[in-house]
C-alpha atoms as a PDB file:
ATOM      1  CA  MET A   1      74.457  20.707  51.469  1.00  0.00           C
ATOM      2  CA  GLU A   2      70.656  19.678  51.821  1.00  0.00           C
ATOM      3  CA  GLU A   3      69.769  16.100  53.060  1.00  0.00           C
ATOM      4  CA  LYS A   4      67.988  13.919  50.512  1.00  0.00           C
ATOM      5  CA  ALA A   5      64.394  12.543  51.373  1.00  0.00           C
ATOM      6  CA  VAL A   6      65.509   9.210  49.873  1.00  0.00           C
ATOM      7  CA  PRO A   7      68.388   7.769  47.678  1.00  0.00           C
ATOM      8  CA  SER A   8      68.769   9.254  44.406  1.00  0.00           C
ATOM      9  CA  THR A   9      67.539   5.937  42.912  1.00  0.00           C
ATOM     10  CA  GLU A  10      64.286   6.132  44.818  1.00  0.00           C
ATOM     11  CA  GLN A  11      64.186   9.806  44.066  1.00  0.00           C
ATOM     12  CA  LEU A  12      61.952   9.387  40.669  1.00  0.00           C
ATOM     13  CA  VAL A  13      60.297   6.277  40.109  1.00  0.00           C
ATOM     14  CA  ILE A  14      58.120   5.056  37.430  1.00  0.00           C
ATOM     15  CA  GLU A  15      54.939   3.542  38.588  1.00  0.00           C
ATOM     16  CA  ILE A  16      52.606   1.760  35.859  1.00  0.00           C
ATOM     17  CA  PHE A  17      49.250   0.828  36.339  1.00  0.00           C
ATOM     18  CA  VAL A  18      48.691  -2.775  34.359  1.00  0.00           C
ATOM     19  CA  ARG A  19      45.704  -5.044  33.936  1.00  0.00           C
ATOM     20  CA  ASP A  20      47.275  -8.239  35.218  1.00  0.00           C
ATOM     21  CA  VAL A  21      50.269  -8.149  37.776  1.00  0.00           C
ATOM     22  CA  GLU A  22      51.303 -11.771  37.039  1.00  0.00           C
ATOM     23  CA  ILE A  23      51.527 -11.391  33.234  1.00  0.00           C
ATOM     24  CA  SER A  24      53.140  -8.002  33.454  1.00  0.00           C
ATOM     25  CA  LYS A  25      55.683  -9.357  36.278  1.00  0.00           C
ATOM     26  CA  LYS A  26      56.726 -12.231  33.615  1.00  0.00           C
ATOM     27  CA  PHE A  27      56.859  -9.930  31.003  1.00  0.00           C
ATOM     28  CA  TYR A  28      59.432  -7.555  33.004  1.00  0.00           C
ATOM     29  CA  ARG A  29      61.597 -10.716  34.320  1.00  0.00           C
ATOM     30  CA  ASN A  30      62.018 -11.727  30.844  1.00  0.00           C
ATOM     31  CA  LEU A  31      63.503  -8.312  29.943  1.00  0.00           C
ATOM     32  CA  GLY A  32      66.008  -8.722  32.687  1.00  0.00           C
ATOM     33  CA  PHE A  33      64.439  -7.073  35.578  1.00  0.00           C
ATOM     34  CA  HIS A  34      64.463  -8.436  39.199  1.00  0.00           C
ATOM     35  CA  ILE A  35      61.753  -8.586  41.870  1.00  0.00           C
ATOM     36  CA  LEU A  36      62.395  -6.968  44.901  1.00  0.00           C
ATOM     37  CA  ARG A  37      59.118  -7.169  46.816  1.00  0.00           C
ATOM     38  CA  GLU A  38      55.478  -8.349  45.764  1.00  0.00           C
ATOM     39  CA  ASP A  39      52.162  -7.383  47.696  1.00  0.00           C
ATOM     40  CA  GLY A  40      49.138  -8.674  46.067  1.00  0.00           C
ATOM     41  CA  GLY A  41      48.563  -6.780  43.098  1.00  0.00           C
ATOM     42  CA  PHE A  42      51.685  -4.576  43.545  1.00  0.00           C
ATOM     43  CA  VAL A  43      55.274  -5.403  42.257  1.00  0.00           C
ATOM     44  CA  GLU A  44      58.470  -3.650  42.900  1.00  0.00           C
ATOM     45  CA  LEU A  45      61.156  -4.324  40.441  1.00  0.00           C
ATOM     46  CA  SER A  46      64.543  -3.336  39.759  1.00  0.00           C
ATOM     47  CA  TRP A  47      67.003  -2.656  36.803  1.00  0.00           C
ATOM     48  CA  GLU A  48      70.394  -2.225  38.701  1.00  0.00           C
ATOM     49  CA  GLN A  49      69.288   0.054  41.366  1.00  0.00           C
ATOM     50  CA  HIS A  50      66.609   1.941  39.354  1.00  0.00           C
ATOM     51  CA  LEU A  51      63.070   1.055  40.568  1.00  0.00           C
ATOM     52  CA  LEU A  52      59.772   0.059  38.497  1.00  0.00           C
ATOM     53  CA  PHE A  53      56.562  -0.279  40.360  1.00  0.00           C
ATOM     54  CA  LEU A  54      53.636  -2.392  38.845  1.00  0.00           C
ATOM     55  CA  ASP A  55      50.243  -1.556  40.468  1.00  0.00           C
ATOM     56  CA  GLU A  56      47.360  -3.833  39.102  1.00  0.00           C
ATOM     57  CA  ARG A  57      44.160  -2.195  38.393  1.00  0.00           C
ATOM     58  CA  LYS A  58      41.211  -4.420  37.839  1.00  0.00           C
ATOM     59  CA  GLU A  59      39.064  -1.257  36.178  1.00  0.00           C
ATOM     60  CA  LEU A  60      41.835  -1.652  33.189  1.00  0.00           C
ATOM     61  CA  LYS A  61      40.881  -5.345  32.430  1.00  0.00           C
ATOM     62  CA  ASN A  62      38.092  -4.486  29.722  1.00  0.00           C
ATOM     63  CA  SER A  63      39.865  -1.279  28.727  1.00  0.00           C
ATOM     64  CA  PRO A  64      41.596  -1.609  25.089  1.00  0.00           C
ATOM     65  CA  ILE A  65      45.221  -1.981  24.868  1.00  0.00           C
ATOM     66  CA  PRO A  66      46.773   1.150  23.108  1.00  0.00           C
ATOM     67  CA  THR A  67      48.687   0.433  20.271  1.00  0.00           C
ATOM     68  CA  PHE A  68      50.586   3.793  20.292  1.00  0.00           C
ATOM     69  CA  PRO A  69      52.520   3.704  23.627  1.00  0.00           C
ATOM     70  CA  ALA A  70      51.618   6.700  25.979  1.00  0.00           C
ATOM     71  CA  ALA A  71      54.833   6.728  27.601  1.00  0.00           C
ATOM     72  CA  ASN A  72      58.304   5.004  26.941  1.00  0.00           C
ATOM     73  CA  ILE A  73      60.480   3.673  29.801  1.00  0.00           C
ATOM     74  CA  ARG A  74      64.155   4.203  28.269  1.00  0.00           C
ATOM     75  CA  ILE A  75      66.958   1.427  29.361  1.00  0.00           C
ATOM     76  CA  MET A  76      70.491   2.069  28.425  1.00  0.00           C
ATOM     77  CA  VAL A  77      72.509  -0.905  27.845  1.00  0.00           C
ATOM     78  CA  LYS A  78      76.223  -1.787  26.809  1.00  0.00           C
ATOM     79  CA  ASP A  79      75.238  -3.704  23.712  1.00  0.00           C
ATOM     80  CA  VAL A  80      71.814  -2.825  22.273  1.00  0.00           C
ATOM     81  CA  ASP A  81      72.166  -5.271  19.525  1.00  0.00           C
ATOM     82  CA  ALA A  82      72.820  -8.007  22.017  1.00  0.00           C
ATOM     83  CA  VAL A  83      69.538  -6.936  23.793  1.00  0.00           C
ATOM     84  CA  TRP A  84      67.470  -7.126  20.467  1.00  0.00           C
ATOM     85  CA  LYS A  85      68.720 -10.131  19.488  1.00  0.00           C
ATOM     86  CA  ARG A  86      68.066 -12.069  23.103  1.00  0.00           C
ATOM     87  CA  LEU A  87      64.439 -10.767  23.154  1.00  0.00           C
ATOM     88  CA  HIS A  88      63.780 -11.692  19.679  1.00  0.00           C
ATOM     89  CA  ASN A  89      64.957 -15.404  20.827  1.00  0.00           C
ATOM     90  CA  ASP A  90      63.365 -15.323  24.338  1.00  0.00           C
ATOM     91  CA  LEU A  91      60.001 -13.566  23.671  1.00  0.00           C
ATOM     92  CA  GLY A  92      59.454 -14.639  19.802  1.00  0.00           C
ATOM     93  CA  GLU A  93      56.206 -14.034  18.578  1.00  0.00           C
ATOM     94  CA  HIS A  94      55.060 -12.361  21.793  1.00  0.00           C
ATOM     95  CA  LEU A  95      57.518  -9.381  21.037  1.00  0.00           C
ATOM     96  CA  LYS A  96      55.355  -6.582  20.275  1.00  0.00           C
ATOM     97  CA  VAL A  97      58.286  -4.228  18.298  1.00  0.00           C
ATOM     98  CA  PHE A  98      57.076  -0.786  18.171  1.00  0.00           C
ATOM     99  CA  ALA A  99      60.060   0.826  16.534  1.00  0.00           C
ATOM    100  CA  LYS A 100      62.920  -1.613  15.173  1.00  0.00           C
ATOM    101  CA  ILE A 101      66.560  -1.425  15.997  1.00  0.00           C
ATOM    102  CA  GLU A 102      68.338   1.424  14.028  1.00  0.00           C
ATOM    103  CA  ASP A 103      70.394   4.359  14.583  1.00  0.00           C
ATOM    104  CA  ARG A 104      68.659   7.245  15.331  1.00  0.00           C
ATOM    105  CA  TYR A 105      69.316  11.074  14.790  1.00  0.00           C
ATOM    106  CA  TYR A 106      69.582  11.729  18.297  1.00  0.00           C
ATOM    107  CA  GLY A 107      72.725   9.996  18.736  1.00  0.00           C
ATOM    108  CA  LEU A 108      71.472   6.658  20.323  1.00  0.00           C
ATOM    109  CA  ARG A 109      71.273   3.305  18.420  1.00  0.00           C
ATOM    110  CA  ASP A 110      67.715   1.827  20.200  1.00  0.00           C
ATOM    111  CA  PHE A 111      64.298  -0.152  19.627  1.00  0.00           C
ATOM    112  CA  THR A 112      60.979   0.163  21.158  1.00  0.00           C
ATOM    113  CA  ILE A 113      58.817  -2.683  22.242  1.00  0.00           C
ATOM    114  CA  LEU A 114      55.648  -2.558  23.822  1.00  0.00           C
ATOM    115  CA  ASP A 115      54.821  -4.270  27.443  1.00  0.00           C
ATOM    116  CA  PRO A 116      51.518  -6.064  27.628  1.00  0.00           C
ATOM    117  CA  ASP A 117      49.358  -2.660  28.359  1.00  0.00           C
ATOM    118  CA  GLY A 118      51.054  -0.994  25.540  1.00  0.00           C
ATOM    119  CA  PHE A 119      53.778   0.801  27.233  1.00  0.00           C
ATOM    120  CA  GLY A 120      56.943   1.575  25.561  1.00  0.00           C
ATOM    121  CA  ILE A 121      60.076  -0.123  26.694  1.00  0.00           C
ATOM    122  CA  ARG A 122      63.033   1.626  24.829  1.00  0.00           C
ATOM    123  CA  PHE A 123      66.409   0.205  24.712  1.00  0.00           C
ATOM    124  CA  GLY A 124      69.339   1.825  23.732  1.00  0.00           C
ATOM    125  CA  MET A 125      73.036   2.714  23.604  1.00  0.00           C
ATOM    126  CA  ASP A 126      75.027   5.518  22.179  1.00  0.00           C
ATOM    127  CA  ILE A 127      75.800   5.118  18.915  1.00  0.00           C
ATOM    128  CA  PRO A 128      79.512   3.838  18.565  1.00  0.00           C
ATOM    129  CA  THR A 129      81.882   5.765  16.127  1.00  0.00           C
ATOM    130  CA  THR A 130      81.999   2.805  14.012  1.00  0.00           C
ATOM    131  CA  HIS A 131      78.220   3.245  13.103  1.00  0.00           C
ATOM    132  CA  LYS A 132      78.229   7.182  12.793  1.00  0.00           C
END
């Protein structure tokens, strides 16, 4: 068996470029991510054992924020309805909903919100048999 270069949870990591790392860090902490490491304009976050890197790029400050996400980060949860409700309560008017919660044809009940830089964050769960 071939030895892995890094643990499997570090094999594929999403790194996104952000306009303001402090704003993005606060947003992701409100979603439930944990801060593992900070180094100036770079933050390493985790969701369970999976990593997300935020890399501040000052040259993005004056560029428009997309209204359609170039990419989604999908997070599977046990109870997507509870996450939907919590985010509405916690973020209120600051919550930018891209796709409202509903059962999808691809077998998930999910919703997508936008982060401060326009990236999509999709929370989902398998559709329970009671919803089918």
